[in-house]
Amino acid sequence: MDLLAWIGRLIFFLVVLWIALENPATVPLRLSATLSWPSVPLLAVILGSFVIGVLAGTIAMLPKLFRLHRRLRHASDRKSARPNAEASLMHAARQGGAVGDVDFDASKHS
């Protein structure tokens, strides 16, 4: 199924590329009152706009990605610290005279 999705994407890309190459129209591009080009290929303008949009979207996502990465790192730190706490609690229970295993899974009791 994944192969079919990639084949579909490739076909779509090739069709769009073919259409873009068959229409070599030029357009005037004015970035400001003093900065302009009289004749720029439309394909270059569309591709440039796409790249700028991808970059803007990536920059907009960065804070969320960093926040999620930090939460994942803290969760894995807590998970790696948990067995030591359980072993310490088990040792304290044995020192107090407990017999048998201690069940640390609270979800079984609720």
N, C-alpha and C. Protein backbone atom coordinates (compact mmCIF):
# COMPACT_ATOMS: atom_id res chain seq x y z
N MET A 1 0.83 -1.19 0.00
CA MET A 1 0.00 0.00 0.00
C MET A 1 0.87 1.26 0.00
N ASP A 2 1.98 1.20 0.73
CA ASP A 2 2.88 2.33 0.77
C ASP A 2 3.52 2.56 -0.61
N LEU A 3 3.79 1.47 -1.30
CA LEU A 3 4.36 1.58 -2.65
C LEU A 3 3.38 2.28 -3.60
N LEU A 4 2.10 1.95 -3.49
CA LEU A 4 1.10 2.60 -4.34
C LEU A 4 1.02 4.10 -4.06
N ALA A 5 1.14 4.48 -2.78
CA ALA A 5 1.11 5.90 -2.43
C ALA A 5 2.29 6.63 -3.07
N TRP A 6 3.48 6.03 -3.01
CA TRP A 6 4.66 6.66 -3.60
C TRP A 6 4.56 6.72 -5.12
N ILE A 7 4.00 5.71 -5.73
CA ILE A 7 3.80 5.73 -7.18
C ILE A 7 2.83 6.84 -7.56
N GLY A 8 1.76 7.00 -6.79
CA GLY A 8 0.79 8.08 -7.03
C GLY A 8 1.43 9.45 -6.88
N ARG A 9 2.27 9.62 -5.87
CA ARG A 9 2.96 10.90 -5.67
C ARG A 9 3.90 11.19 -6.84
N LEU A 10 4.60 10.16 -7.30
CA LEU A 10 5.52 10.33 -8.43
C LEU A 10 4.77 10.73 -9.69
N ILE A 11 3.65 10.08 -9.95
CA ILE A 11 2.85 10.41 -11.13
C ILE A 11 2.33 11.84 -11.03
N PHE A 12 1.84 12.23 -9.85
CA PHE A 12 1.34 13.60 -9.66
C PHE A 12 2.46 14.61 -9.90
N PHE A 13 3.64 14.34 -9.33
CA PHE A 13 4.77 15.24 -9.51
C PHE A 13 5.15 15.37 -10.98
N LEU A 14 5.20 14.26 -11.68
CA LEU A 14 5.58 14.30 -13.09
C LEU A 14 4.56 15.04 -13.94
N VAL A 15 3.27 14.88 -13.64
CA VAL A 15 2.23 15.60 -14.39
C VAL A 15 2.34 17.10 -14.14
N VAL A 16 2.51 17.49 -12.88
CA VAL A 16 2.65 18.92 -12.57
C VAL A 16 3.91 19.50 -13.21
N LEU A 17 5.00 18.75 -13.17
CA LEU A 17 6.24 19.21 -13.79
C LEU A 17 6.06 19.36 -15.30
N TRP A 18 5.40 18.42 -15.93
CA TRP A 18 5.17 18.48 -17.36
C TRP A 18 4.34 19.72 -17.72
N ILE A 19 3.27 19.96 -16.95
CA ILE A 19 2.43 21.14 -17.21
C ILE A 19 3.23 22.42 -17.02
N ALA A 20 4.05 22.47 -15.98
CA ALA A 20 4.85 23.67 -15.74
C ALA A 20 5.86 23.91 -16.85
N LEU A 21 6.47 22.86 -17.34
CA LEU A 21 7.46 23.03 -18.41
C LEU A 21 6.83 23.35 -19.75
N GLU A 22 5.59 22.95 -19.95
CA GLU A 22 4.89 23.26 -21.20
C GLU A 22 4.34 24.68 -21.23
N ASN A 23 4.34 25.37 -20.09
CA ASN A 23 3.84 26.74 -20.02
C ASN A 23 4.95 27.67 -19.56
N PRO A 24 5.85 28.04 -20.47
CA PRO A 24 6.99 28.87 -20.07
C PRO A 24 6.67 30.36 -20.04
N ALA A 25 5.55 30.72 -19.51
CA ALA A 25 5.16 32.13 -19.46
C ALA A 25 6.07 32.90 -18.50
N THR A 26 6.23 34.18 -18.80
CA THR A 26 7.01 35.06 -17.92
C THR A 26 6.08 36.10 -17.33
N VAL A 27 6.42 36.52 -16.13
CA VAL A 27 5.61 37.53 -15.43
C VAL A 27 6.54 38.58 -14.86
N PRO A 28 6.04 39.82 -14.71
CA PRO A 28 6.86 40.83 -14.03
C PRO A 28 6.82 40.58 -12.51
N LEU A 29 7.95 40.73 -11.86
CA LEU A 29 8.02 40.51 -10.42
C LEU A 29 8.51 41.79 -9.76
N ARG A 30 7.64 42.39 -8.94
CA ARG A 30 7.98 43.63 -8.23
C ARG A 30 7.98 43.35 -6.74
N LEU A 31 9.17 43.41 -6.11
CA LEU A 31 9.27 43.20 -4.67
C LEU A 31 9.10 44.50 -3.90
N SER A 32 9.49 45.60 -4.50
CA SER A 32 9.30 46.93 -3.90
C SER A 32 9.27 47.94 -5.04
N ALA A 33 9.20 49.21 -4.67
CA ALA A 33 9.14 50.24 -5.71
C ALA A 33 10.44 50.32 -6.50
N THR A 34 11.55 49.98 -5.86
CA THR A 34 12.83 50.09 -6.55
C THR A 34 13.39 48.73 -6.98
N LEU A 35 12.90 47.65 -6.43
CA LEU A 35 13.42 46.33 -6.73
C LEU A 35 12.38 45.54 -7.53
N SER A 36 12.66 45.35 -8.82
CA SER A 36 11.72 44.61 -9.66
C SER A 36 12.47 43.98 -10.84
N TRP A 37 11.85 42.94 -11.39
CA TRP A 37 12.36 42.28 -12.58
C TRP A 37 11.24 42.28 -13.61
N PRO A 38 11.50 42.68 -14.83
CA PRO A 38 10.43 42.77 -15.81
C PRO A 38 9.96 41.43 -16.36
N SER A 39 10.82 40.42 -16.33
CA SER A 39 10.44 39.17 -16.94
C SER A 39 11.07 38.00 -16.17
N VAL A 40 10.24 37.34 -15.35
CA VAL A 40 10.69 36.19 -14.55
C VAL A 40 9.80 35.01 -14.94
N PRO A 41 10.38 33.82 -15.14
CA PRO A 41 9.54 32.66 -15.46
C PRO A 41 8.52 32.38 -14.34
N LEU A 42 7.30 32.12 -14.76
CA LEU A 42 6.24 31.85 -13.80
C LEU A 42 6.58 30.65 -12.92
N LEU A 43 7.23 29.66 -13.48
CA LEU A 43 7.63 28.47 -12.72
C LEU A 43 8.56 28.86 -11.58
N ALA A 44 9.48 29.79 -11.81
CA ALA A 44 10.41 30.23 -10.76
C ALA A 44 9.65 30.96 -9.64
N VAL A 45 8.65 31.77 -10.01
CA VAL A 45 7.86 32.49 -9.00
C VAL A 45 7.07 31.50 -8.15
N ILE A 46 6.44 30.51 -8.78
CA ILE A 46 5.65 29.53 -8.04
C ILE A 46 6.55 28.69 -7.14
N LEU A 47 7.68 28.23 -7.67
CA LEU A 47 8.60 27.43 -6.88
C LEU A 47 9.17 28.23 -5.71
N GLY A 48 9.53 29.47 -5.96
CA GLY A 48 10.03 30.34 -4.88
C GLY A 48 8.99 30.56 -3.80
N SER A 49 7.75 30.77 -4.20
CA SER A 49 6.67 30.94 -3.22
C SER A 49 6.46 29.68 -2.40
N PHE A 50 6.56 28.53 -3.04
CA PHE A 50 6.42 27.26 -2.34
C PHE A 50 7.54 27.08 -1.31
N VAL A 51 8.77 27.36 -1.71
CA VAL A 51 9.91 27.21 -0.79
C VAL A 51 9.78 28.17 0.39
N ILE A 52 9.39 29.40 0.13
CA ILE A 52 9.21 30.36 1.22
C ILE A 52 8.10 29.89 2.17
N GLY A 53 7.03 29.33 1.64
CA GLY A 53 5.95 28.80 2.48
C GLY A 53 6.39 27.63 3.33
N VAL A 54 7.19 26.73 2.74
CA VAL A 54 7.70 25.59 3.51
C VAL A 54 8.60 26.08 4.64
N LEU A 55 9.48 27.02 4.34
CA LEU A 55 10.37 27.56 5.38
C LEU A 55 9.58 28.26 6.48
N ALA A 56 8.57 29.04 6.12
CA ALA A 56 7.76 29.73 7.12
C ALA A 56 7.01 28.72 8.00
N GLY A 57 6.47 27.67 7.39
CA GLY A 57 5.78 26.64 8.16
C GLY A 57 6.71 25.89 9.09
N THR A 58 7.92 25.61 8.63
CA THR A 58 8.90 24.92 9.46
C THR A 58 9.31 25.78 10.65
N ILE A 59 9.55 27.05 10.40
CA ILE A 59 9.91 27.96 11.48
C ILE A 59 8.76 28.09 12.48
N ALA A 60 7.54 28.11 11.99
CA ALA A 60 6.38 28.21 12.89
C ALA A 60 6.22 26.96 13.75
N MET A 61 6.66 25.80 13.26
CA MET A 61 6.53 24.55 14.02
C MET A 61 7.65 24.33 15.02
N LEU A 62 8.77 25.01 14.87
CA LEU A 62 9.94 24.75 15.71
C LEU A 62 9.66 24.85 17.21
N PRO A 63 8.98 25.88 17.72
CA PRO A 63 8.74 25.91 19.17
C PRO A 63 7.97 24.69 19.67
N LYS A 64 6.97 24.26 18.94
CA LYS A 64 6.19 23.08 19.34
C LYS A 64 7.06 21.82 19.31
N LEU A 65 7.90 21.68 18.28
CA LEU A 65 8.78 20.52 18.19
C LEU A 65 9.79 20.49 19.34
N PHE A 66 10.37 21.64 19.68
CA PHE A 66 11.30 21.69 20.80
C PHE A 66 10.60 21.35 22.11
N ARG A 67 9.38 21.86 22.29
CA ARG A 67 8.62 21.58 23.51
C ARG A 67 8.32 20.08 23.61
N LEU A 68 7.89 19.46 22.53
CA LEU A 68 7.62 18.02 22.54
C LEU A 68 8.89 17.21 22.78
N HIS A 69 9.99 17.63 22.18
CA HIS A 69 11.25 16.93 22.39
C HIS A 69 11.67 17.01 23.86
N ARG A 70 11.51 18.18 24.47
CA ARG A 70 11.85 18.35 25.88
C ARG A 70 10.96 17.48 26.76
N ARG A 71 9.66 17.43 26.48
CA ARG A 71 8.74 16.58 27.26
C ARG A 71 9.09 15.11 27.12
N LEU A 72 9.45 14.68 25.92
CA LEU A 72 9.84 13.29 25.70
C LEU A 72 11.12 12.95 26.46
N ARG A 73 12.08 13.85 26.43
CA ARG A 73 13.33 13.62 27.15
C ARG A 73 13.09 13.52 28.65
N HIS A 74 12.24 14.40 29.22
CA HIS A 74 11.93 14.34 30.65
C HIS A 74 11.16 13.07 31.00
N ALA A 75 10.27 12.65 30.12
CA ALA A 75 9.51 11.42 30.38
C ALA A 75 10.44 10.22 30.38
N SER A 76 11.40 10.17 29.47
CA SER A 76 12.32 9.03 29.45
C SER A 76 13.26 9.08 30.65
N ASP A 77 13.63 10.28 31.11
CA ASP A 77 14.45 10.40 32.32
C ASP A 77 13.71 9.87 33.53
N ARG A 78 12.42 10.23 33.65
CA ARG A 78 11.62 9.73 34.77
C ARG A 78 11.43 8.23 34.70
N LYS A 79 11.27 7.71 33.47
CA LYS A 79 11.08 6.27 33.32
C LYS A 79 12.34 5.51 33.71
N SER A 80 13.50 6.04 33.35
CA SER A 80 14.75 5.36 33.71
C SER A 80 15.04 5.49 35.20
N ALA A 81 14.53 6.53 35.85
CA ALA A 81 14.75 6.69 37.29
C ALA A 81 13.78 5.85 38.10
N ARG A 82 12.67 5.44 37.54
CA ARG A 82 11.64 4.71 38.28
C ARG A 82 12.10 3.35 38.80
N PRO A 83 12.80 2.51 38.04
CA PRO A 83 13.22 1.22 38.59
C PRO A 83 14.09 1.36 39.83
N ASN A 84 14.93 2.39 39.91
CA ASN A 84 15.75 2.61 41.09
C ASN A 84 14.89 2.92 42.29
N ALA A 85 13.84 3.71 42.09
CA ALA A 85 12.94 4.04 43.19
C ALA A 85 12.19 2.79 43.65
N GLU A 86 11.77 1.95 42.70
CA GLU A 86 11.07 0.72 43.06
C GLU A 86 11.99 -0.23 43.82
N ALA A 87 13.23 -0.34 43.37
CA ALA A 87 14.19 -1.21 44.06
C ALA A 87 14.46 -0.69 45.46
N SER A 88 14.55 0.61 45.62
CA SER A 88 14.77 1.20 46.94
C SER A 88 13.58 0.94 47.85
N LEU A 89 12.37 1.07 47.32
CA LEU A 89 11.18 0.81 48.11
C LEU A 89 11.07 -0.67 48.47
N MET A 90 11.43 -1.54 47.53
CA MET A 90 11.42 -2.98 47.80
C MET A 90 12.43 -3.31 48.90
N HIS A 91 13.60 -2.73 48.85
CA HIS A 91 14.61 -2.96 49.87
C HIS A 91 14.11 -2.49 51.24
N ALA A 92 13.49 -1.32 51.28
CA ALA A 92 12.96 -0.82 52.55
C ALA A 92 11.87 -1.73 53.09
N ALA A 93 11.02 -2.26 52.22
CA ALA A 93 9.95 -3.17 52.66
C ALA A 93 10.54 -4.46 53.21
N ARG A 94 11.57 -4.98 52.56
CA ARG A 94 12.22 -6.20 53.05
C ARG A 94 12.89 -5.96 54.40
N GLN A 95 13.49 -4.79 54.57
CA GLN A 95 14.13 -4.46 55.84
C GLN A 95 13.10 -4.35 56.96
N GLY A 96 11.87 -3.95 56.59
CA GLY A 96 10.80 -3.84 57.58
C GLY A 96 10.11 -5.15 57.86
N GLY A 97 10.50 -6.22 57.17
CA GLY A 97 9.94 -7.53 57.45
C GLY A 97 8.88 -7.97 56.46
N ALA A 98 8.75 -7.29 55.31
CA ALA A 98 7.75 -7.68 54.33
C ALA A 98 8.16 -8.99 53.68
N VAL A 99 7.15 -9.79 53.35
CA VAL A 99 7.39 -11.08 52.71
C VAL A 99 6.66 -11.06 51.37
N GLY A 100 7.28 -11.62 50.32
CA GLY A 100 6.63 -11.69 49.01
C GLY A 100 6.99 -10.50 48.16
N ASP A 101 6.27 -10.39 47.03
CA ASP A 101 6.53 -9.32 46.08
C ASP A 101 5.62 -8.14 46.36
N VAL A 102 6.11 -6.95 46.03
CA VAL A 102 5.33 -5.73 46.16
C VAL A 102 4.85 -5.35 44.77
N ASP A 103 3.54 -5.07 44.62
CA ASP A 103 2.96 -4.68 43.34
C ASP A 103 2.99 -3.18 43.21
N PHE A 104 3.76 -2.67 42.23
CA PHE A 104 3.90 -1.23 42.06
C PHE A 104 2.92 -0.66 41.05
N ASP A 105 2.13 -1.49 40.38
CA ASP A 105 1.21 -1.04 39.34
C ASP A 105 -0.08 -0.57 40.00
N ALA A 106 -0.26 0.76 40.07
CA ALA A 106 -1.44 1.33 40.73
C ALA A 106 -2.71 1.16 39.89
N SER A 107 -2.57 0.95 38.58
CA SER A 107 -3.77 0.85 37.72
C SER A 107 -4.54 -0.43 38.00
N LYS A 108 -3.91 -1.45 38.56
CA LYS A 108 -4.62 -2.70 38.87
C LYS A 108 -5.55 -2.54 40.06
N HIS A 109 -5.27 -1.56 40.92
CA HIS A 109 -6.02 -1.40 42.16
C HIS A 109 -7.14 -0.38 42.05
N SER A 110 -7.25 0.33 40.94
CA SER A 110 -8.29 1.35 40.85
C SER A 110 -9.50 0.87 40.12
